[in-house]
Amino acid sequence: MTMTANVPSPVLSKRRNDGLIGLWGRIIHRERDAYERWLEERDLSVVTACLLRLNERQLNRLGFSRATLGMDVEDLAERARQDARICMEVLRIVEDQDDEAALEDQRRGQRGDYHAIAAE
């Protein structure tokens, strides 16, 4: 059983709904990797701008500081990327184990139900 159908699809395979600014980004960055980097930078800027609207007390409750907010948002994004890589690796390992167990049961003539698990 494969779990790749549940994995979010890349941004570029979905219908774009980002308006004029997205068109501008696609025109400037015709290469897929450059466009993805531009999108990520734009999104991090928007998140940082939204967090800057909070006062220092509210930022401290979230574990941020106004003085280091830009670096904190980048660290948060890097942690999210790392968690996504770990999740994909766990799903790959579980799929491989399910496939091996299913093949072993086929050799024995048994039928088993296999379900992949998701790690958080």
C-alpha atoms as a PDB file:
ATOM      1  CA  MET A   1       0.000   0.000   0.000  1.00  0.00           C
ATOM      2  CA  THR A   2       1.441   3.327  -0.955  1.00  0.00           C
ATOM      3  CA  MET A   3       1.060   6.536   1.031  1.00  0.00           C
ATOM      4  CA  THR A   4       2.404   8.889  -1.629  1.00  0.00           C
ATOM      5  CA  ALA A   5      -1.157   9.781  -2.637  1.00  0.00           C
ATOM      6  CA  ASN A   6      -1.630  11.478   0.751  1.00  0.00           C
ATOM      7  CA  VAL A   7       1.513  13.585   0.457  1.00  0.00           C
ATOM      8  CA  PRO A   8       0.789  17.225  -0.471  1.00  0.00           C
ATOM      9  CA  SER A   9       1.424  17.902  -4.140  1.00  0.00           C
ATOM     10  CA  PRO A  10       3.959  20.534  -5.172  1.00  0.00           C
ATOM     11  CA  VAL A  11       2.754  24.096  -5.459  1.00  0.00           C
ATOM     12  CA  LEU A  12       3.349  24.251  -9.199  1.00  0.00           C
ATOM     13  CA  SER A  13       1.038  21.325 -10.017  1.00  0.00           C
ATOM     14  CA  LYS A  14      -1.961  23.125  -8.507  1.00  0.00           C
ATOM     15  CA  ARG A  15      -3.958  25.857 -10.196  1.00  0.00           C
ATOM     16  CA  ARG A  16      -2.417  29.204  -9.387  1.00  0.00           C
ATOM     17  CA  ASN A  17      -4.521  31.739  -7.540  1.00  0.00           C
ATOM     18  CA  ASP A  18      -1.872  34.288  -6.600  1.00  0.00           C
ATOM     19  CA  GLY A  19      -2.862  37.077  -8.997  1.00  0.00           C
ATOM     20  CA  LEU A  20      -0.634  39.728 -10.489  1.00  0.00           C
ATOM     21  CA  ILE A  21       2.230  39.295  -8.022  1.00  0.00           C
ATOM     22  CA  GLY A  22       2.390  35.597  -8.883  1.00  0.00           C
ATOM     23  CA  LEU A  23       2.475  36.400 -12.597  1.00  0.00           C
ATOM     24  CA  TRP A  24       5.319  38.832 -11.933  1.00  0.00           C
ATOM     25  CA  GLY A  25       7.222  36.134 -10.042  1.00  0.00           C
ATOM     26  CA  ARG A  26       6.735  33.612 -12.837  1.00  0.00           C
ATOM     27  CA  ILE A  27       7.922  36.127 -15.440  1.00  0.00           C
ATOM     28  CA  ILE A  28      11.048  37.078 -13.475  1.00  0.00           C
ATOM     29  CA  HIS A  29      11.880  33.535 -12.395  1.00  0.00           C
ATOM     30  CA  ARG A  30      11.220  31.290 -15.358  1.00  0.00           C
ATOM     31  CA  GLU A  31      13.201  28.413 -13.868  1.00  0.00           C
ATOM     32  CA  ARG A  32      11.183  26.263 -11.502  1.00  0.00           C
ATOM     33  CA  ASP A  33      13.764  26.282  -8.680  1.00  0.00           C
ATOM     34  CA  ALA A  34      14.204  30.061  -8.847  1.00  0.00           C
ATOM     35  CA  TYR A  35      10.441  30.554  -8.732  1.00  0.00           C
ATOM     36  CA  GLU A  36      10.100  28.214  -5.749  1.00  0.00           C
ATOM     37  CA  ARG A  37      12.845  30.126  -3.882  1.00  0.00           C
ATOM     38  CA  TRP A  38      11.109  33.418  -4.693  1.00  0.00           C
ATOM     39  CA  LEU A  39       7.784  32.056  -3.429  1.00  0.00           C
ATOM     40  CA  GLU A  40       9.407  30.887  -0.205  1.00  0.00           C
ATOM     41  CA  GLU A  41      11.092  34.253   0.364  1.00  0.00           C
ATOM     42  CA  ARG A  42       7.802  36.044  -0.298  1.00  0.00           C
ATOM     43  CA  ASP A  43       5.904  33.783   2.099  1.00  0.00           C
ATOM     44  CA  LEU A  44       8.498  34.199   4.852  1.00  0.00           C
ATOM     45  CA  SER A  45       8.304  37.975   4.402  1.00  0.00           C
ATOM     46  CA  VAL A  46       4.511  37.883   4.730  1.00  0.00           C
ATOM     47  CA  VAL A  47       4.702  35.732   7.880  1.00  0.00           C
ATOM     48  CA  THR A  48       7.309  38.052   9.389  1.00  0.00           C
ATOM     49  CA  ALA A  49       5.195  41.120   8.561  1.00  0.00           C
ATOM     50  CA  CYS A  50       2.134  39.557  10.203  1.00  0.00           C
ATOM     51  CA  LEU A  51       4.104  38.708  13.333  1.00  0.00           C
ATOM     52  CA  LEU A  52       5.485  42.251  13.481  1.00  0.00           C
ATOM     53  CA  ARG A  53       1.917  43.471  14.030  1.00  0.00           C
ATOM     54  CA  LEU A  54       1.942  41.795  17.457  1.00  0.00           C
ATOM     55  CA  ASN A  55       3.287  43.589  20.483  1.00  0.00           C
ATOM     56  CA  GLU A  56       6.340  42.343  22.409  1.00  0.00           C
ATOM     57  CA  ARG A  57       4.265  40.562  25.079  1.00  0.00           C
ATOM     58  CA  GLN A  58       2.344  38.596  22.438  1.00  0.00           C
ATOM     59  CA  LEU A  59       5.553  37.724  20.615  1.00  0.00           C
ATOM     60  CA  ASN A  60       7.120  36.517  23.863  1.00  0.00           C
ATOM     61  CA  ARG A  61       4.139  34.208  24.462  1.00  0.00           C
ATOM     62  CA  LEU A  62       4.830  32.632  21.078  1.00  0.00           C
ATOM     63  CA  GLY A  63       8.513  32.306  21.883  1.00  0.00           C
ATOM     64  CA  PHE A  64       9.662  35.089  19.567  1.00  0.00           C
ATOM     65  CA  SER A  65      11.368  38.416  20.084  1.00  0.00           C
ATOM     66  CA  ARG A  66      11.008  41.488  17.918  1.00  0.00           C
ATOM     67  CA  ALA A  67      14.804  41.839  17.783  1.00  0.00           C
ATOM     68  CA  THR A  68      15.337  38.382  16.251  1.00  0.00           C
ATOM     69  CA  LEU A  69      11.997  37.834  14.511  1.00  0.00           C
ATOM     70  CA  GLY A  70      13.448  37.395  11.008  1.00  0.00           C
ATOM     71  CA  MET A  71      15.880  34.717  12.166  1.00  0.00           C
ATOM     72  CA  ASP A  72      13.191  33.032  14.263  1.00  0.00           C
ATOM     73  CA  VAL A  73      10.850  32.751  11.262  1.00  0.00           C
ATOM     74  CA  GLU A  74      13.679  31.298   9.129  1.00  0.00           C
ATOM     75  CA  ASP A  75      14.445  28.773  11.896  1.00  0.00           C
ATOM     76  CA  LEU A  76      10.765  27.858  12.040  1.00  0.00           C
ATOM     77  CA  ALA A  77      10.688  27.295   8.271  1.00  0.00           C
ATOM     78  CA  GLU A  78      13.856  25.187   8.413  1.00  0.00           C
ATOM     79  CA  ARG A  79      12.352  23.046  11.183  1.00  0.00           C
ATOM     80  CA  ALA A  80       9.231  22.543   9.062  1.00  0.00           C
ATOM     81  CA  ARG A  81      11.380  21.455   6.089  1.00  0.00           C
ATOM     82  CA  GLN A  82      13.331  19.070   8.303  1.00  0.00           C
ATOM     83  CA  ASP A  83      10.117  17.579   9.744  1.00  0.00           C
ATOM     84  CA  ALA A  84       8.788  17.071   6.217  1.00  0.00           C
ATOM     85  CA  ARG A  85      11.987  15.255   5.196  1.00  0.00           C
ATOM     86  CA  ILE A  86      11.794  13.027   8.269  1.00  0.00           C
ATOM     87  CA  CYS A  87       8.113  12.281   7.624  1.00  0.00           C
ATOM     88  CA  MET A  88       8.834  11.313   4.006  1.00  0.00           C
ATOM     89  CA  GLU A  89      11.671   9.036   5.143  1.00  0.00           C
ATOM     90  CA  VAL A  90       9.438   7.357   7.746  1.00  0.00           C
ATOM     91  CA  LEU A  91       6.688   6.819   5.172  1.00  0.00           C
ATOM     92  CA  ARG A  92       9.216   5.352   2.726  1.00  0.00           C
ATOM     93  CA  ILE A  93      10.501   2.928   5.365  1.00  0.00           C
ATOM     94  CA  VAL A  94       6.982   1.879   6.371  1.00  0.00           C
ATOM     95  CA  GLU A  95       5.999   1.351   2.729  1.00  0.00           C
ATOM     96  CA  ASP A  96       9.097  -0.777   2.147  1.00  0.00           C
ATOM     97  CA  GLN A  97       8.303  -2.884   5.216  1.00  0.00           C
ATOM     98  CA  ASP A  98       4.679  -3.316   4.122  1.00  0.00           C
ATOM     99  CA  ASP A  99       5.793  -4.350   0.643  1.00  0.00           C
ATOM    100  CA  GLU A 100       8.272  -6.874   2.066  1.00  0.00           C
ATOM    101  CA  ALA A 101       5.647  -8.312   4.432  1.00  0.00           C
ATOM    102  CA  ALA A 102       3.091  -8.575   1.602  1.00  0.00           C
ATOM    103  CA  LEU A 103       5.608 -10.405  -0.600  1.00  0.00           C
ATOM    104  CA  GLU A 104       6.456 -12.784   2.239  1.00  0.00           C
ATOM    105  CA  ASP A 105       2.763 -13.538   2.787  1.00  0.00           C
ATOM    106  CA  GLN A 106       2.282 -14.132  -0.932  1.00  0.00           C
ATOM    107  CA  ARG A 107       5.116 -16.653  -0.830  1.00  0.00           C
ATOM    108  CA  ARG A 108       3.434 -18.426   2.069  1.00  0.00           C
ATOM    109  CA  GLY A 109       0.018 -18.231   0.410  1.00  0.00           C
ATOM    110  CA  GLN A 110      -1.438 -16.042   3.177  1.00  0.00           C
ATOM    111  CA  ARG A 111      -3.347 -12.833   2.839  1.00  0.00           C
ATOM    112  CA  GLY A 112      -2.743  -9.946   5.225  1.00  0.00           C
ATOM    113  CA  ASP A 113      -3.983  -6.422   5.639  1.00  0.00           C
ATOM    114  CA  TYR A 114      -1.276  -3.796   5.859  1.00  0.00           C
ATOM    115  CA  HIS A 115      -1.705  -0.215   6.854  1.00  0.00           C
ATOM    116  CA  ALA A 116       0.975   2.435   6.817  1.00  0.00           C
ATOM    117  CA  ILE A 117       1.342   4.668   9.829  1.00  0.00           C
ATOM    118  CA  ALA A 118       1.986   8.405   9.801  1.00  0.00           C
ATOM    119  CA  ALA A 119       4.451   9.995  12.165  1.00  0.00           C
ATOM    120  CA  GLU A 120       3.966  13.431  13.559  1.00  0.00           C
END
